[in-house]
Amino acid sequence: MRQTRYFLKTSKTAPSDDVSVNARILEQGGFVQKVLAGVYDFLPLGLRVLSKIENIVREEMNAINAAEMFMPVLHPKENWLATGRWTGLDVLFKVKSQHGSEYALGPTHEEIVTPAAQSIISSYKDLPLAVYQIQTKFRDEPRAKSGLLRGREFRMKDLYSFHADAADLENYYNGQVMPAYEKIYQRLGLDALLTEASGGTFSKYSHEYQVEIESGEDTIYVCSKCRLAKNKEIFEAGAECTNCGKTEWRETRASEVGNIFKLQDKYSSAFNLQYTAADGTKKTVLMGCYGLGTSRVMGVLAEKFHDDKGMLWPENVAPFRVHLLALKGGEAAAEQLYQDLLKAGIEVLYDDRDASPGVKFADADLIGLPYRAVVSGKTVESGSIEVKKRSEAEARLVSADKFFDYINKNQN
């Protein structure tokens, strides 16, 4: 992609109305643009990151036999009345049409997916089933001042599973979803801690996935031996770890990147979602739900992987792999390298602007692609390309005929 033709403009000025790191870097780097508090445009550069995050999530959901669907944002009031959440959920956006009908803008989709399952599930032979979506959600947050970490409009993957009994729900929850989440975070470059949280009315525990960040919104306690964590709300000093039995904990700050719950029969009972068992009796379907905020993950990545110059994107989610800079005297060679990169299937952002080297270097650091390749009159003269990994301090000269070998060999 040529930078002169890309919908991209960086900024030297940090946003004045949000002090969070992710808001500052992502806005200055041209990844997102604030529309109003908690609502952002994902500009082309940012959308590439978000799409890569969501594709990783999608691949791992498909791998555990969950089928993707797409549910509406606009929900009938009646569904939310049925579960008691029309008045019981304080962040619910409510909309009244000119015709008098009332709707909710979905912050979550239990009120939609459960009725949808009624036409699919009738017998024990239909179970278990799992379905997921990646959708835009809405929450009427009172304080939306943390960039992508606390949005009023945000992206979310939500998976719902349906089971005949508690044992089957437990097996899917622990045996399939937990490993899938671990794979997702590994692929995203995040060390996410499995964290016990209150299960509320559903069960003794639900689970969050938390990433340690100095500016994190949550306080968690991490077991010194096995790294299982506990949320502050359920932690008791001196308590034994439910995984290994140790009583030594360290306190840390973290940001949540996912949560999973055993819903049991809360929503299936509200909508009378039942199945006919093998003995001919009617039984209530049990459910689980598994959330992962994909736009929030992008914000956490920005909080986790940056320095004082800008972003350092993990390679799996970087919008492009190589940032190619053409400097004076290297324009023709840079153009040829750009074409060669495209032919090789390597994602490249080509800075072909008429701008000073200082401006180009600063923007390359701010945007934070894994590799910066510089072609100038000097490098052309020596038959080389100046290559710098964003995560390293020093650049190196690589022979032009070895450039592709170097890029491929040093892939993260």
Protein backbone atom coordinates (compact mmCIF):
# COMPACT_ATOMS: atom_id res chain seq x y z
CA MET A 1 0.00 0.00 0.00
CA ARG A 2 1.37 3.39 -1.02
CA GLN A 3 1.26 5.87 1.83
CA THR A 4 0.47 8.72 -0.56
CA ARG A 5 -2.77 6.93 -1.48
CA TYR A 6 -3.64 5.59 1.98
CA PHE A 7 -6.29 7.06 4.25
CA LEU A 8 -3.69 7.79 6.92
CA LYS A 9 -2.42 10.84 8.76
CA THR A 10 -0.29 10.72 11.88
CA SER A 11 -0.25 13.45 14.50
CA LYS A 12 2.36 14.92 16.84
CA THR A 13 -0.37 16.03 19.24
CA ALA A 14 -1.79 13.69 21.85
CA PRO A 15 -5.57 13.76 22.43
CA SER A 16 -6.37 16.19 25.24
CA ASP A 17 -9.51 14.44 26.49
CA ASP A 18 -8.11 10.94 27.14
CA VAL A 19 -4.87 10.26 28.96
CA SER A 20 -4.82 6.48 28.41
CA VAL A 21 -1.81 5.14 26.52
CA ASN A 22 -3.88 3.21 23.98
CA ALA A 23 -5.99 6.25 23.09
CA ARG A 24 -2.92 8.42 22.65
CA ILE A 25 -0.86 6.04 20.53
CA LEU A 26 -3.69 4.67 18.42
CA GLU A 27 -5.07 8.14 17.63
CA GLN A 28 -1.67 9.69 16.95
CA GLY A 29 -0.63 6.73 14.81
CA GLY A 30 -3.70 7.00 12.59
CA PHE A 31 -5.25 3.70 13.68
CA VAL A 32 -8.46 5.09 15.15
CA GLN A 33 -10.28 8.41 15.26
CA LYS A 34 -12.53 9.47 18.09
CA VAL A 35 -16.11 10.28 17.14
CA LEU A 36 -17.42 10.80 20.67
CA ALA A 37 -16.57 9.48 24.13
CA GLY A 38 -16.29 5.69 23.87
CA VAL A 39 -16.96 5.60 20.10
CA TYR A 40 -14.21 5.36 17.48
CA ASP A 41 -13.73 5.13 13.75
CA PHE A 42 -11.39 2.27 12.93
CA LEU A 43 -9.36 3.81 10.14
CA PRO A 44 -7.85 1.54 7.46
CA LEU A 45 -4.64 0.97 9.44
CA GLY A 46 -6.55 0.14 12.63
CA LEU A 47 -9.09 -2.01 10.83
CA ARG A 48 -6.27 -4.21 9.53
CA VAL A 49 -5.17 -4.84 13.13
CA LEU A 50 -8.72 -5.49 14.31
CA SER A 51 -9.38 -7.87 11.40
CA LYS A 52 -6.24 -9.87 12.19
CA ILE A 53 -7.27 -10.17 15.82
CA GLU A 54 -10.74 -11.31 14.82
CA ASN A 55 -9.45 -13.80 12.26
CA ILE A 56 -7.27 -15.46 14.92
CA VAL A 57 -10.29 -15.66 17.21
CA ARG A 58 -12.43 -17.02 14.39
CA GLU A 59 -9.93 -19.75 13.52
CA GLU A 60 -9.77 -21.00 17.11
CA MET A 61 -13.56 -20.94 17.52
CA ASN A 62 -13.97 -22.95 14.34
CA ALA A 63 -11.40 -25.43 15.65
CA ILE A 64 -13.68 -26.32 18.60
CA ASN A 65 -16.64 -26.94 16.27
CA ALA A 66 -18.44 -23.70 16.97
CA ALA A 67 -20.50 -22.43 14.01
CA GLU A 68 -20.35 -18.73 13.17
CA MET A 69 -23.55 -16.72 12.81
CA PHE A 70 -24.48 -13.05 12.89
CA MET A 71 -27.20 -11.63 15.12
CA PRO A 72 -28.89 -8.22 15.02
CA VAL A 73 -27.92 -5.21 17.08
CA LEU A 74 -31.57 -4.11 17.44
CA HIS A 75 -33.38 -6.31 19.99
CA PRO A 76 -37.10 -6.43 20.81
CA LYS A 77 -38.01 -5.13 24.25
CA GLU A 78 -40.07 -8.28 24.93
CA ASN A 79 -36.97 -10.48 24.95
CA TRP A 80 -35.29 -8.33 27.59
CA LEU A 81 -38.47 -8.20 29.66
CA ALA A 82 -38.52 -12.01 29.62
CA THR A 83 -35.12 -12.17 31.34
CA GLY A 84 -35.72 -9.22 33.67
CA ARG A 85 -32.84 -7.27 32.20
CA TRP A 86 -34.89 -4.49 30.55
CA THR A 87 -34.81 -2.71 33.92
CA GLY A 88 -32.10 -4.79 35.59
CA LEU A 89 -29.15 -3.87 33.36
CA ASP A 90 -28.12 -0.28 33.95
CA VAL A 91 -25.89 0.04 30.87
CA LEU A 92 -28.63 -0.99 28.41
CA PHE A 93 -29.18 1.45 25.55
CA LYS A 94 -32.93 1.76 24.91
CA VAL A 95 -34.40 3.11 21.69
CA LYS A 96 -37.98 4.17 20.95
CA SER A 97 -39.04 4.29 17.32
CA GLN A 98 -41.33 6.91 15.79
CA HIS A 99 -43.98 4.18 15.65
CA GLY A 100 -43.92 3.66 19.41
CA SER A 101 -42.03 0.36 19.55
CA GLU A 102 -39.15 0.03 22.00
CA TYR A 103 -35.88 -1.76 21.39
CA ALA A 104 -32.53 -2.43 23.04
CA LEU A 105 -29.15 -2.00 21.38
CA GLY A 106 -27.45 -5.28 22.20
CA PRO A 107 -24.66 -5.20 24.80
CA THR A 108 -24.75 -9.02 24.73
CA HIS A 109 -26.89 -11.57 22.89
CA GLU A 110 -28.36 -14.14 25.30
CA GLU A 111 -31.79 -12.62 24.65
CA ILE A 112 -31.42 -13.32 20.93
CA VAL A 113 -29.43 -16.57 20.71
CA THR A 114 -31.61 -18.48 23.19
CA PRO A 115 -34.88 -17.98 21.26
CA ALA A 116 -32.97 -18.74 18.04
CA ALA A 117 -31.96 -22.12 19.49
CA GLN A 118 -35.60 -23.10 20.04
CA SER A 119 -36.02 -23.93 16.37
CA ILE A 120 -32.75 -25.92 16.30
CA ILE A 121 -32.87 -27.91 19.54
CA SER A 122 -35.68 -30.35 20.26
CA SER A 123 -34.01 -33.65 21.20
CA TYR A 124 -31.00 -34.86 23.17
CA LYS A 125 -29.66 -35.93 19.77
CA ASP A 126 -29.31 -32.23 18.86
CA LEU A 127 -26.91 -31.59 21.74
CA PRO A 128 -24.28 -30.38 22.36
CA LEU A 129 -24.20 -27.35 20.07
CA ALA A 130 -22.07 -24.20 19.98
CA VAL A 131 -22.50 -21.01 18.00
CA TYR A 132 -20.58 -17.74 18.00
CA GLN A 133 -20.52 -14.34 16.40
CA ILE A 134 -18.22 -11.33 16.14
CA GLN A 135 -20.46 -8.31 16.46
CA THR A 136 -20.61 -4.64 17.38
CA LYS A 137 -22.02 -4.15 20.88
CA PHE A 138 -23.31 -1.17 22.83
CA ARG A 139 -23.09 -0.24 26.51
CA ASP A 140 -24.23 3.05 28.03
CA GLU A 141 -21.04 3.43 30.05
CA PRO A 142 -21.06 6.37 32.49
CA ARG A 143 -17.29 6.94 32.10
CA ALA A 144 -15.85 6.13 28.70
CA LYS A 145 -12.36 7.62 29.08
CA SER A 146 -9.96 4.73 28.53
CA GLY A 147 -9.75 4.60 24.76
CA LEU A 148 -10.66 1.15 23.44
CA LEU A 149 -10.64 -0.36 26.94
CA ARG A 150 -14.04 1.04 27.93
CA GLY A 151 -16.23 1.79 24.94
CA ARG A 152 -19.86 2.64 24.44
CA GLU A 153 -19.62 0.95 21.04
CA PHE A 154 -17.17 -1.94 20.75
CA ARG A 155 -16.44 -5.23 19.03
CA MET A 156 -17.00 -8.54 20.79
CA LYS A 157 -16.78 -12.23 20.06
CA ASP A 158 -19.43 -14.10 21.99
CA LEU A 159 -19.71 -17.87 21.94
CA TYR A 160 -22.75 -19.70 23.32
CA SER A 161 -22.89 -23.43 24.01
CA PHE A 162 -25.93 -25.65 24.66
CA HIS A 163 -25.79 -28.88 26.67
CA ALA A 164 -27.97 -31.72 27.94
CA ASP A 165 -26.37 -31.87 31.39
CA ALA A 166 -23.84 -30.28 33.73
CA ALA A 167 -21.12 -32.81 32.93
CA ASP A 168 -21.25 -32.00 29.23
CA LEU A 169 -21.18 -28.26 29.95
CA GLU A 170 -18.19 -28.75 32.25
CA ASN A 171 -16.34 -30.77 29.62
CA TYR A 172 -16.83 -28.13 26.93
CA TYR A 173 -16.01 -25.25 29.30
CA ASN A 174 -12.79 -26.76 30.69
CA GLY A 175 -11.76 -29.17 27.96
CA GLN A 176 -12.35 -27.14 24.82
CA VAL A 177 -13.00 -23.44 25.44
CA MET A 178 -10.21 -22.87 27.97
CA PRO A 179 -7.51 -24.39 25.71
CA ALA A 180 -8.91 -22.44 22.74
CA TYR A 181 -8.64 -19.18 24.67
CA GLU A 182 -5.07 -20.00 25.66
CA LYS A 183 -4.19 -20.54 21.99
CA ILE A 184 -5.82 -17.26 21.01
CA TYR A 185 -3.82 -15.22 23.51
CA GLN A 186 -0.59 -17.01 22.63
CA ARG A 187 -1.13 -16.19 18.95
CA LEU A 188 -1.88 -12.57 19.85
CA GLY A 189 1.38 -12.33 21.80
CA LEU A 190 -0.39 -11.86 25.15
CA ASP A 191 0.37 -13.68 28.39
CA ALA A 192 -3.18 -13.89 29.74
CA LEU A 193 -3.74 -15.14 33.28
CA LEU A 194 -6.71 -17.38 34.01
CA THR A 195 -8.46 -15.53 36.83
CA GLU A 196 -11.23 -16.74 39.10
CA ALA A 197 -14.08 -14.26 39.53
CA SER A 198 -17.44 -14.40 41.21
CA GLY A 199 -19.93 -16.61 39.38
CA GLY A 200 -22.87 -14.55 40.62
CA THR A 201 -26.14 -16.43 40.25
CA PHE A 202 -24.64 -18.84 37.72
CA SER A 203 -22.03 -20.85 39.62
CA LYS A 204 -19.36 -20.55 42.31
CA TYR A 205 -16.80 -19.16 39.89
CA SER A 206 -16.69 -17.58 36.49
CA HIS A 207 -13.34 -16.96 34.84
CA GLU A 208 -11.66 -13.90 33.42
CA TYR A 209 -8.52 -13.68 31.33
CA GLN A 210 -6.32 -10.85 32.58
CA VAL A 211 -3.15 -9.33 31.11
CA GLU A 212 -0.75 -7.66 33.53
CA ILE A 213 -0.43 -3.97 32.69
CA GLU A 214 0.90 -1.20 34.89
CA SER A 215 -2.12 0.98 34.10
CA GLY A 216 -4.62 -1.90 34.32
CA GLU A 217 -8.10 -1.18 35.69
CA ASP A 218 -8.31 -4.35 37.81
CA THR A 219 -6.45 -5.63 40.85
CA ILE A 220 -5.76 -9.36 40.81
CA TYR A 221 -3.80 -11.77 43.00
CA VAL A 222 -1.56 -14.31 41.27
CA CYS A 223 -0.54 -17.65 42.80
CA SER A 224 3.24 -17.76 43.18
CA LYS A 225 3.40 -21.40 42.06
CA CYS A 226 0.84 -22.13 39.33
CA ARG A 227 -0.10 -18.59 38.19
CA LEU A 228 -3.83 -19.08 38.67
CA ALA A 229 -5.19 -15.66 39.65
CA LYS A 230 -8.10 -14.40 41.72
CA ASN A 231 -10.08 -11.24 41.15
CA LYS A 232 -9.98 -8.74 44.01
CA GLU A 233 -13.74 -9.16 44.64
CA ILE A 234 -13.37 -12.82 45.72
CA PHE A 235 -9.87 -12.77 47.17
CA GLU A 236 -9.25 -13.45 50.86
CA ALA A 237 -5.78 -13.05 52.35
CA GLY A 238 -4.30 -16.43 53.22
CA ALA A 239 -6.76 -18.29 50.99
CA GLU A 240 -5.55 -21.48 49.33
CA CYS A 241 -5.15 -21.59 45.56
CA THR A 242 -7.97 -23.73 44.19
CA ASN A 243 -5.56 -25.22 41.67
CA CYS A 244 -2.40 -26.10 43.67
CA GLY A 245 -3.26 -25.36 47.31
CA LYS A 246 -0.52 -22.76 47.88
CA THR A 247 -1.23 -19.65 49.94
CA GLU A 248 1.40 -17.28 48.53
CA TRP A 249 0.01 -14.54 46.30
CA ARG A 250 1.33 -11.43 44.63
CA GLU A 251 -0.83 -8.40 43.92
CA THR A 252 -0.72 -6.84 40.46
CA ARG A 253 -2.65 -4.58 38.10
CA ALA A 254 -4.22 -6.07 34.98
CA SER A 255 -6.73 -5.54 32.19
CA GLU A 256 -9.39 -8.06 31.29
CA VAL A 257 -9.30 -9.50 27.75
CA GLY A 258 -11.99 -12.18 28.05
CA ASN A 259 -14.50 -13.80 30.38
CA ILE A 260 -16.39 -17.09 30.42
CA PHE A 261 -19.47 -18.18 32.39
CA LYS A 262 -21.55 -21.27 32.98
CA LEU A 263 -24.99 -19.76 32.49
CA GLN A 264 -26.68 -22.99 33.60
CA ASP A 265 -30.46 -22.62 32.91
CA LYS A 266 -30.88 -18.88 33.56
CA TYR A 267 -31.74 -17.95 29.97
CA SER A 268 -33.02 -21.30 28.74
CA SER A 269 -35.63 -21.25 31.54
CA ALA A 270 -36.66 -17.70 30.65
CA PHE A 271 -37.40 -18.75 27.07
CA ASN A 272 -38.52 -22.33 27.87
CA LEU A 273 -35.68 -23.84 25.84
CA GLN A 274 -36.11 -27.57 26.43
CA TYR A 275 -35.21 -30.87 24.80
CA THR A 276 -36.69 -34.34 24.89
CA ALA A 277 -34.38 -36.70 26.79
CA ALA A 278 -33.73 -40.34 25.86
CA ASP A 279 -36.39 -41.44 28.36
CA GLY A 280 -38.99 -39.20 26.75
CA THR A 281 -39.08 -36.54 29.48
CA LYS A 282 -38.67 -32.83 28.86
CA LYS A 283 -35.55 -31.22 30.30
CA THR A 284 -34.13 -27.70 30.28
CA VAL A 285 -31.06 -27.03 28.16
CA LEU A 286 -27.97 -25.81 30.02
CA MET A 287 -25.87 -23.03 28.53
CA GLY A 288 -22.42 -21.47 28.68
CA CYS A 289 -21.26 -18.13 27.32
CA TYR A 290 -17.73 -17.09 26.44
CA GLY A 291 -16.82 -13.49 25.64
CA LEU A 292 -13.73 -11.92 24.14
CA GLY A 293 -13.61 -8.20 23.35
CA THR A 294 -11.66 -7.92 20.11
CA SER A 295 -11.48 -4.10 20.05
CA ARG A 296 -10.56 -4.14 23.75
CA VAL A 297 -7.74 -6.60 22.94
CA MET A 298 -6.44 -4.08 20.43
CA GLY A 299 -6.35 -1.47 23.19
CA VAL A 300 -4.57 -3.87 25.55
CA LEU A 301 -2.00 -4.65 22.86
CA ALA A 302 -1.32 -0.92 22.52
CA GLU A 303 -0.93 -0.59 26.30
CA LYS A 304 1.40 -3.61 26.43
CA PHE A 305 3.55 -3.20 23.30
CA HIS A 306 4.80 0.37 22.99
CA ASP A 307 7.73 2.58 23.88
CA ASP A 308 8.18 6.35 24.01
CA LYS A 309 8.28 6.51 20.21
CA GLY A 310 5.16 4.52 19.39
CA MET A 311 3.85 1.01 18.80
CA LEU A 312 5.70 -2.31 18.64
CA TRP A 313 3.07 -4.59 17.11
CA PRO A 314 3.45 -8.37 17.49
CA GLU A 315 3.90 -9.77 14.02
CA ASN A 316 0.64 -11.77 13.98
CA VAL A 317 -1.48 -8.65 14.35
CA ALA A 318 0.67 -5.92 12.77
CA PRO A 319 -1.25 -4.13 10.01
CA PHE A 320 1.69 -4.61 7.64
CA ARG A 321 4.91 -6.56 8.05
CA VAL A 322 7.34 -4.14 6.41
CA HIS A 323 7.44 -0.34 6.39
CA LEU A 324 9.40 0.61 3.27
CA LEU A 325 10.89 4.10 3.26
CA ALA A 326 12.15 5.75 0.07
CA LEU A 327 14.79 8.43 0.71
CA LYS A 328 16.55 10.76 -1.72
CA GLY A 329 18.37 8.90 -4.46
CA GLY A 330 16.64 5.60 -3.70
CA GLU A 331 13.22 6.23 -5.24
CA ALA A 332 13.60 3.94 -8.25
CA ALA A 333 15.13 1.09 -6.23
CA ALA A 334 12.46 1.48 -3.55
CA GLU A 335 9.74 1.26 -6.18
CA GLN A 336 11.22 -1.97 -7.49
CA LEU A 337 11.53 -3.41 -3.99
CA TYR A 338 7.90 -2.46 -3.33
CA GLN A 339 6.79 -4.40 -6.40
CA ASP A 340 8.94 -7.37 -5.41
CA LEU A 341 7.45 -7.41 -1.90
CA LEU A 342 3.94 -7.39 -3.31
CA LYS A 343 4.78 -10.28 -5.67
CA ALA A 344 6.21 -12.23 -2.72
CA GLY A 345 2.96 -11.77 -0.79
CA ILE A 346 4.61 -9.71 1.95
CA GLU A 347 2.38 -7.02 3.40
CA VAL A 348 4.11 -3.68 2.93
CA LEU A 349 3.33 -0.06 3.68
CA TYR A 350 5.37 2.03 1.23
CA ASP A 351 6.25 5.53 2.41
CA ASP A 352 6.58 7.19 -0.99
CA ARG A 353 5.76 10.66 0.38
CA ASP A 354 7.76 13.76 -0.41
CA ALA A 355 8.81 14.21 3.21
CA SER A 356 12.04 14.54 5.17
CA PRO A 357 13.87 11.45 6.50
CA GLY A 358 13.15 12.62 10.06
CA VAL A 359 9.41 12.72 9.44
CA LYS A 360 9.44 9.29 7.81
CA PHE A 361 11.51 7.72 10.60
CA ALA A 362 9.29 9.22 13.30
CA ASP A 363 6.13 7.97 11.60
CA ALA A 364 7.62 4.52 11.13
CA ASP A 365 8.38 4.32 14.86
CA LEU A 366 4.92 5.63 15.77
CA ILE A 367 3.11 3.13 13.53
CA GLY A 368 5.38 0.35 14.79
CA LEU A 369 5.49 -2.27 12.03
CA PRO A 370 7.83 -5.23 12.70
CA TYR A 371 10.42 -4.23 10.05
CA ARG A 372 11.57 -0.91 8.64
CA ALA A 373 13.40 -1.06 5.30
CA VAL A 374 15.15 2.07 4.05
CA VAL A 375 16.30 2.58 0.47
CA SER A 376 18.41 5.68 -0.24
CA GLY A 377 21.13 6.84 -2.61
CA LYS A 378 23.74 5.46 -0.20
CA THR A 379 22.17 2.01 0.07
CA VAL A 380 21.74 1.81 -3.71
CA GLU A 381 25.40 2.65 -4.12
CA SER A 382 26.43 -0.15 -1.78
CA GLY A 383 23.91 -2.65 -3.15
CA SER A 384 22.22 -3.01 0.21
CA ILE A 385 19.05 -2.17 2.15
CA GLU A 386 19.02 -0.70 5.65
CA VAL A 387 16.78 -2.93 7.77
CA LYS A 388 15.70 -2.37 11.36
CA LYS A 389 13.44 -4.48 13.52
CA ARG A 390 11.12 -2.20 15.46
CA SER A 391 11.92 -4.12 18.64
CA GLU A 392 15.69 -3.55 18.26
CA ALA A 393 17.75 -0.41 18.76
CA GLU A 394 20.15 -0.71 15.83
CA ALA A 395 19.63 -0.93 12.08
CA ARG A 396 21.77 -3.14 9.88
CA LEU A 397 22.75 -3.19 6.22
CA VAL A 398 21.55 -6.29 4.41
CA SER A 399 22.68 -7.17 0.91
CA ALA A 400 19.82 -6.52 -1.50
CA ASP A 401 19.92 -10.09 -2.77
CA LYS A 402 19.66 -11.41 0.82
CA PHE A 403 16.86 -9.08 1.95
CA PHE A 404 13.99 -11.56 1.53
CA ASP A 405 15.97 -14.32 3.24
CA TYR A 406 16.59 -11.99 6.17
CA ILE A 407 12.93 -10.96 6.50
CA ASN A 408 11.69 -14.54 6.32
CA LYS A 409 14.37 -15.97 8.64
CA ASN A 410 13.75 -13.36 11.33
CA GLN A 411 9.98 -13.77 11.35
CA ASN A 412 8.71 -13.76 14.93
